[in-house]
Amino acid sequence: MKIRIIGCGNPLAGDDGLGIYAARKLAEMKLPEGVEVVEAGTPGLGLLSFLENADAVIIVDALKRGSPPGTLHRVEAREIIKEGKPLSAHDLGVEEALTLGFRLLPEKMPKKILIVGVEAGRVESFREGLTQEVEKALPKLLELILREVERLLEGENGGPEGI
């Protein structure tokens, strides 16, 4: 099984850089075989190209769901499309790219797509670093991602169902 973890965001826009910071930390870890980590930046519709040739994808991003800053989120891709509620801190975000992908290229979309992230506090241009609440949540986010990778791999080997 090929699992791709995609870090999204802009590290020069405050908490929006969360996905990039998480991807960099994950890239330093020894991950199971078949798990790839990529930094996508703020890809907009280009996100679809990062989904190609993966069996499962975990998208890591700063999210805007109306929760207190620092709140962890785990959202199934199909759920955000049904909700129609903005998800990402980006202008043209994950929700819009996935919606188009499922509508226009359903056969090319990975079977399993999960979005994980942290509720952003401050997203503003030309501000490096995360707010205290989001920085504090980063280790918990990394644990969540590693648990999800484990679940996916167990599902492949006959264990609990993956995402």
Protein backbone atom coordinates (compact mmCIF):
# COMPACT_ATOMS: atom_id res chain seq x y z
CA MET A 1 0.00 0.00 0.00
CA LYS A 2 1.29 3.44 -0.90
CA ILE A 3 0.35 6.08 1.68
CA ARG A 4 1.15 9.71 0.96
CA ILE A 5 1.14 12.35 3.69
CA ILE A 6 0.72 15.79 2.15
CA GLY A 7 1.66 18.86 4.19
CA CYS A 8 -0.18 21.95 2.99
CA GLY A 9 0.31 25.56 3.97
CA ASN A 10 2.50 28.64 3.88
CA PRO A 11 5.10 28.96 6.65
CA LEU A 12 5.24 32.71 5.97
CA ALA A 13 1.58 33.13 6.98
CA GLY A 14 1.51 32.26 10.68
CA ASP A 15 -0.56 29.20 11.59
CA ASP A 16 -1.16 28.49 7.91
CA GLY A 17 2.31 26.91 7.90
CA LEU A 18 1.20 24.06 10.17
CA GLY A 19 1.05 21.40 7.43
CA ILE A 20 4.57 22.25 6.27
CA TYR A 21 5.99 22.17 9.81
CA ALA A 22 4.29 18.80 10.42
CA ALA A 23 5.57 17.37 7.12
CA ARG A 24 9.14 18.41 7.98
CA LYS A 25 8.95 16.72 11.38
CA LEU A 26 7.45 13.56 9.87
CA ALA A 27 10.17 13.48 7.18
CA GLU A 28 12.77 13.28 9.98
CA MET A 29 11.11 10.16 11.44
CA LYS A 30 11.54 6.54 10.44
CA LEU A 31 8.22 5.80 8.78
CA PRO A 32 6.97 2.40 7.59
CA GLU A 33 7.81 1.27 4.07
CA GLY A 34 5.41 2.69 1.50
CA VAL A 35 4.77 5.91 3.44
CA GLU A 36 5.86 9.08 1.64
CA VAL A 37 5.81 12.64 3.00
CA VAL A 38 5.59 15.63 0.66
CA GLU A 39 5.36 19.38 1.16
CA ALA A 40 2.71 20.78 -1.17
CA GLY A 41 2.74 24.43 -0.09
CA THR A 42 -0.58 26.06 -0.98
CA PRO A 43 -1.33 24.02 -4.10
CA GLY A 44 -4.92 25.01 -4.87
CA LEU A 45 -6.10 22.71 -7.66
CA GLY A 46 -2.53 21.42 -7.94
CA LEU A 47 -3.38 19.30 -4.89
CA LEU A 48 -4.93 16.80 -7.31
CA SER A 49 -1.51 16.01 -8.80
CA PHE A 50 -0.22 15.11 -5.32
CA LEU A 51 -3.02 12.53 -4.98
CA GLU A 52 -2.01 10.55 -8.07
CA ASN A 53 -0.70 7.01 -7.66
CA ALA A 54 -1.46 6.81 -3.93
CA ASP A 55 -3.73 4.23 -2.33
CA ALA A 56 -4.40 6.44 0.67
CA VAL A 57 -3.66 10.08 1.44
CA ILE A 58 -3.48 12.03 4.66
CA ILE A 59 -3.66 15.77 4.05
CA VAL A 60 -2.23 17.88 6.88
CA ASP A 61 -3.35 21.49 7.03
CA ALA A 62 -4.31 24.40 9.24
CA LEU A 63 -8.09 24.32 9.42
CA LYS A 64 -10.88 26.81 10.04
CA ARG A 65 -13.83 24.93 11.53
CA GLY A 66 -14.98 27.43 14.15
CA SER A 67 -13.31 25.68 17.09
CA PRO A 68 -10.88 27.24 19.57
CA PRO A 69 -7.32 27.60 18.17
CA GLY A 70 -5.26 24.48 18.79
CA THR A 71 -8.19 22.05 18.47
CA LEU A 72 -7.26 18.85 16.61
CA HIS A 73 -9.44 17.86 13.66
CA ARG A 74 -9.83 14.60 11.76
CA VAL A 75 -12.16 14.83 8.77
CA GLU A 76 -13.00 12.28 6.10
CA ALA A 77 -12.66 13.83 2.63
CA ARG A 78 -16.16 12.83 1.56
CA GLU A 79 -17.61 14.43 4.70
CA ILE A 80 -16.20 17.89 3.98
CA ILE A 81 -17.59 17.76 0.48
CA LYS A 82 -21.06 16.89 1.83
CA GLU A 83 -20.88 19.66 4.43
CA GLY A 84 -19.98 22.33 1.90
CA LYS A 85 -18.36 24.21 4.78
CA PRO A 86 -14.97 25.89 4.21
CA LEU A 87 -12.20 23.78 5.69
CA SER A 88 -8.80 25.19 4.84
CA ALA A 89 -7.21 28.46 5.79
CA HIS A 90 -6.27 28.94 2.09
CA ASP A 91 -8.30 30.91 -0.44
CA LEU A 92 -8.77 28.00 -2.85
CA GLY A 93 -8.38 25.15 -0.47
CA VAL A 94 -8.49 21.46 0.06
CA GLU A 95 -12.29 21.24 -0.05
CA GLU A 96 -12.57 22.84 -3.50
CA ALA A 97 -9.75 20.75 -4.97
CA LEU A 98 -11.17 17.49 -3.61
CA THR A 99 -14.69 18.36 -4.74
CA LEU A 100 -13.46 18.91 -8.30
CA GLY A 101 -11.33 15.77 -8.16
CA PHE A 102 -14.23 13.57 -7.06
CA ARG A 103 -16.52 15.10 -9.71
CA LEU A 104 -14.13 15.21 -12.66
CA LEU A 105 -11.61 12.42 -12.01
CA PRO A 106 -13.24 9.94 -9.62
CA GLU A 107 -11.28 6.99 -11.04
CA LYS A 108 -7.97 8.73 -10.24
CA MET A 109 -8.80 9.66 -6.66
CA PRO A 110 -7.23 7.58 -3.88
CA LYS A 111 -9.64 5.15 -2.21
CA LYS A 112 -8.99 6.73 1.16
CA ILE A 113 -8.42 10.42 1.87
CA LEU A 114 -8.27 11.90 5.33
CA ILE A 115 -7.69 15.50 6.34
CA VAL A 116 -6.08 16.12 9.70
CA GLY A 117 -5.05 19.41 11.18
CA VAL A 118 -5.31 21.94 13.90
CA GLU A 119 -7.70 24.87 14.19
CA ALA A 120 -5.67 27.91 13.15
CA GLY A 121 -5.41 30.93 15.39
CA ARG A 122 -3.71 33.62 13.32
CA VAL A 123 -3.30 33.34 9.57
CA GLU A 124 -1.67 36.44 8.22
CA SER A 125 0.91 37.28 5.60
CA PHE A 126 4.53 37.74 6.51
CA ARG A 127 4.39 36.21 9.96
CA GLU A 128 6.67 33.23 10.53
CA GLY A 129 5.98 30.68 13.23
CA LEU A 130 2.90 29.21 14.83
CA THR A 131 0.80 30.69 17.59
CA GLN A 132 1.30 29.17 21.02
CA GLU A 133 -1.96 27.16 20.85
CA VAL A 134 -1.12 25.62 17.48
CA GLU A 135 2.53 24.99 18.38
CA LYS A 136 1.36 23.18 21.53
CA ALA A 137 -0.98 20.97 19.46
CA LEU A 138 1.70 19.95 16.92
CA PRO A 139 3.03 16.89 18.86
CA LYS A 140 -0.55 15.61 19.32
CA LEU A 141 -1.16 16.12 15.60
CA LEU A 142 1.95 14.06 14.75
CA GLU A 143 0.71 11.27 17.05
CA LEU A 144 -2.68 11.35 15.32
CA ILE A 145 -1.06 11.08 11.89
CA LEU A 146 1.10 8.13 12.96
CA ARG A 147 -1.96 6.35 14.42
CA GLU A 148 -3.83 6.87 11.15
CA VAL A 149 -0.90 5.45 9.15
CA GLU A 150 -0.90 2.44 11.47
CA ARG A 151 -4.67 1.97 10.99
CA LEU A 152 -4.29 2.10 7.23
CA LEU A 153 -1.51 -0.48 7.27
CA GLU A 154 -3.47 -2.76 9.64
CA GLY A 155 -6.48 -2.50 7.33
CA GLU A 156 -4.30 -3.65 4.45
CA ASN A 157 -3.14 -6.66 6.49
CA GLY A 158 -6.60 -7.77 7.54
CA GLY A 159 -6.73 -5.75 10.76
CA PRO A 160 -9.23 -2.98 11.59
CA GLU A 161 -10.71 -1.17 8.61
CA GLY A 162 -8.66 1.84 7.52
CA ILE A 163 -9.97 5.29 6.82
